[in-house]
Amino acid sequence: MRHTFHQSLTWDHHRNTVGKVVIADHQLEFSIPAALDGPGRGTNPDELLLSSAAGCYIMTLGAMFERSQIAHADIELRSELVVEVEDGIYRVSELHHYPTILNYPHEKKKILERLVHKADERCMISNALKGSVKIMVHPTFQEEHHENSPI
């Protein structure tokens, strides 16, 4: 089975231009980030890459929870992308995912600990980045509390 994804972009030849990208009928502006002396309007390729990686990771993890019959657990995710500049060359060096698994049954913790790392192995965006980007997962677990249990 093969899937093909499409998008269209417009950009003129000036460095500080604000471009437009159309993805699945959604139009976004993008430009060079202000931190890199650009206009900082809309999103940028770094944020789009981070969003792709984080979205892929959390959806993969959610699907793995479902297949593992974990019906009760919430996932929150914070992710960060590290870009290094050496000799004027920009390079993505690290991607960190910080998933927090909330309100899960205590007896499911072992499988959850395994799945938060396995999701990175199964995520197609992570797999596309591996070899050139160091990807790390830093999970936090907060199990559900019952009204009769001490906090």
Protein backbone atom coordinates (compact mmCIF):
# COMPACT_ATOMS: atom_id res chain seq x y z
CA MET A 1 0.00 0.00 0.00
CA ARG A 2 1.27 3.46 -0.87
CA HIS A 3 0.08 6.89 0.29
CA THR A 4 1.01 10.18 -1.35
CA PHE A 5 0.63 13.55 0.33
CA HIS A 6 0.61 16.91 -1.47
CA GLN A 7 1.01 20.55 -0.64
CA SER A 8 1.66 23.72 -2.56
CA LEU A 9 3.81 26.67 -1.56
CA THR A 10 4.39 30.16 -2.87
CA TRP A 11 7.45 32.28 -2.13
CA ASP A 12 9.13 35.06 -4.00
CA HIS A 13 12.89 35.33 -4.29
CA HIS A 14 13.44 37.61 -1.24
CA ARG A 15 14.80 36.25 2.05
CA ASN A 16 12.37 38.16 4.25
CA THR A 17 9.26 37.30 2.28
CA VAL A 18 6.22 35.72 3.91
CA GLY A 19 5.25 32.64 1.96
CA LYS A 20 2.06 30.65 1.87
CA VAL A 21 1.60 26.91 2.17
CA VAL A 22 -1.61 25.05 1.41
CA ILE A 23 -1.96 21.71 3.18
CA ALA A 24 -5.22 19.77 2.94
CA ASP A 25 -7.25 22.91 2.15
CA HIS A 26 -5.67 24.85 5.03
CA GLN A 27 -3.57 27.89 4.15
CA LEU A 28 -0.77 29.02 6.45
CA GLU A 29 1.77 31.79 6.23
CA PHE A 30 5.39 30.89 6.84
CA SER A 31 8.62 32.81 7.06
CA ILE A 32 12.08 32.73 8.53
CA PRO A 33 11.77 32.97 12.34
CA ALA A 34 12.51 36.30 14.00
CA ALA A 35 15.21 34.51 16.06
CA LEU A 36 17.03 33.93 12.75
CA ASP A 37 16.60 37.55 11.64
CA GLY A 38 13.53 36.86 9.54
CA PRO A 39 10.07 38.44 9.65
CA GLY A 40 8.74 35.80 12.07
CA ARG A 41 5.24 35.79 10.52
CA GLY A 42 3.19 32.65 10.55
CA THR A 43 4.94 29.37 11.11
CA ASN A 44 8.31 28.20 9.80
CA PRO A 45 9.87 24.97 8.54
CA ASP A 46 11.31 24.17 11.98
CA GLU A 47 7.89 24.43 13.64
CA LEU A 48 6.27 22.44 10.84
CA LEU A 49 8.85 19.68 11.25
CA LEU A 50 8.33 19.68 15.02
CA SER A 51 4.54 19.59 14.58
CA SER A 52 4.85 16.68 12.16
CA ALA A 53 7.08 14.73 14.52
CA ALA A 54 4.97 15.45 17.62
CA GLY A 55 1.68 14.78 15.83
CA CYS A 56 2.97 11.51 14.44
CA TYR A 57 4.31 10.43 17.83
CA ILE A 58 1.13 11.17 19.80
CA MET A 59 -1.16 9.58 17.18
CA THR A 60 1.05 6.49 17.04
CA LEU A 61 1.04 6.26 20.83
CA GLY A 62 -2.75 6.65 20.95
CA ALA A 63 -3.19 3.89 18.36
CA MET A 64 -0.86 1.64 20.35
CA PHE A 65 -2.88 2.29 23.52
CA GLU A 66 -6.03 1.30 21.65
CA ARG A 67 -4.49 -1.90 20.24
CA SER A 68 -3.26 -2.75 23.74
CA GLN A 69 -6.80 -2.27 25.07
CA ILE A 70 -5.87 0.65 27.28
CA ALA A 71 -9.25 2.33 27.33
CA HIS A 72 -8.56 4.78 30.12
CA ALA A 73 -5.49 7.03 29.92
CA ASP A 74 -4.91 10.59 28.77
CA ILE A 75 -1.86 11.75 26.85
CA GLU A 76 -0.34 15.21 26.97
CA LEU A 77 2.75 15.93 24.91
CA ARG A 78 5.33 18.68 24.91
CA SER A 79 8.09 18.41 22.31
CA GLU A 80 11.14 20.45 21.38
CA LEU A 81 13.41 20.58 18.38
CA VAL A 82 17.06 21.61 18.76
CA VAL A 83 18.73 23.37 15.82
CA GLU A 84 22.48 23.94 15.86
CA VAL A 85 24.43 26.32 13.66
CA GLU A 86 28.01 25.52 12.75
CA ASP A 87 29.98 27.41 10.11
CA GLY A 88 26.76 29.03 8.90
CA ILE A 89 25.07 25.65 8.35
CA TYR A 90 21.79 25.04 10.21
CA ARG A 91 21.17 21.46 11.30
CA VAL A 92 18.44 19.80 13.34
CA SER A 93 20.39 17.85 15.95
CA GLU A 94 17.86 16.68 18.55
CA LEU A 95 14.17 16.04 19.02
CA HIS A 96 12.79 15.59 22.53
CA HIS A 97 9.30 14.27 23.33
CA TYR A 98 7.95 14.76 26.85
CA PRO A 99 4.76 12.69 27.04
CA THR A 100 2.73 12.78 30.24
CA ILE A 101 0.42 9.83 30.70
CA LEU A 102 -2.42 10.74 33.05
CA ASN A 103 -5.26 8.93 34.79
CA TYR A 104 -4.20 5.42 33.88
CA PRO A 105 -4.93 2.27 35.88
CA HIS A 106 -1.97 1.24 38.07
CA GLU A 107 -1.91 -2.29 36.64
CA LYS A 108 -1.20 -0.87 33.14
CA LYS A 109 1.97 1.06 34.07
CA LYS A 110 4.48 -1.55 32.78
CA ILE A 111 2.88 -1.73 29.35
CA LEU A 112 2.57 2.07 29.21
CA GLU A 113 6.27 2.45 29.99
CA ARG A 114 7.05 0.15 27.07
CA LEU A 115 4.61 1.80 24.66
CA VAL A 116 5.85 5.39 25.16
CA HIS A 117 9.22 4.29 23.75
CA LYS A 118 7.87 1.89 21.14
CA ALA A 119 5.73 4.69 19.67
CA ASP A 120 8.91 6.49 18.65
CA GLU A 121 10.13 3.34 16.89
CA ARG A 122 6.84 3.04 14.97
CA CYS A 123 6.33 6.71 14.05
CA MET A 124 7.09 7.28 10.36
CA ILE A 125 8.38 10.82 10.93
CA SER A 126 10.77 9.63 13.65
CA ASN A 127 11.96 6.91 11.32
CA ALA A 128 12.57 9.45 8.55
CA LEU A 129 14.69 11.56 10.91
CA LYS A 130 16.70 8.75 12.53
CA GLY A 131 20.33 8.64 11.54
CA SER A 132 20.66 12.42 11.42
CA VAL A 133 18.61 13.54 14.44
CA LYS A 134 18.95 12.22 18.00
CA ILE A 135 15.42 11.47 19.24
CA MET A 136 14.73 11.10 22.96
CA VAL A 137 11.54 10.32 24.87
CA HIS A 138 11.20 11.55 28.48
CA PRO A 139 7.92 10.20 29.88
CA THR A 140 6.08 11.17 33.05
CA PHE A 141 3.32 9.03 34.57
CA GLN A 142 0.49 10.21 36.82
CA GLU A 143 -1.83 7.33 37.66
CA GLU A 144 -5.47 7.76 38.47
CA HIS A 145 -6.47 8.43 42.05
CA HIS A 146 -9.55 6.90 43.58
CA GLU A 147 -11.61 8.88 46.06
CA ASN A 148 -10.87 6.40 48.87
CA SER A 149 -7.12 6.23 48.28
CA PRO A 150 -4.66 8.53 50.05
CA ILE A 151 -3.07 11.17 47.85
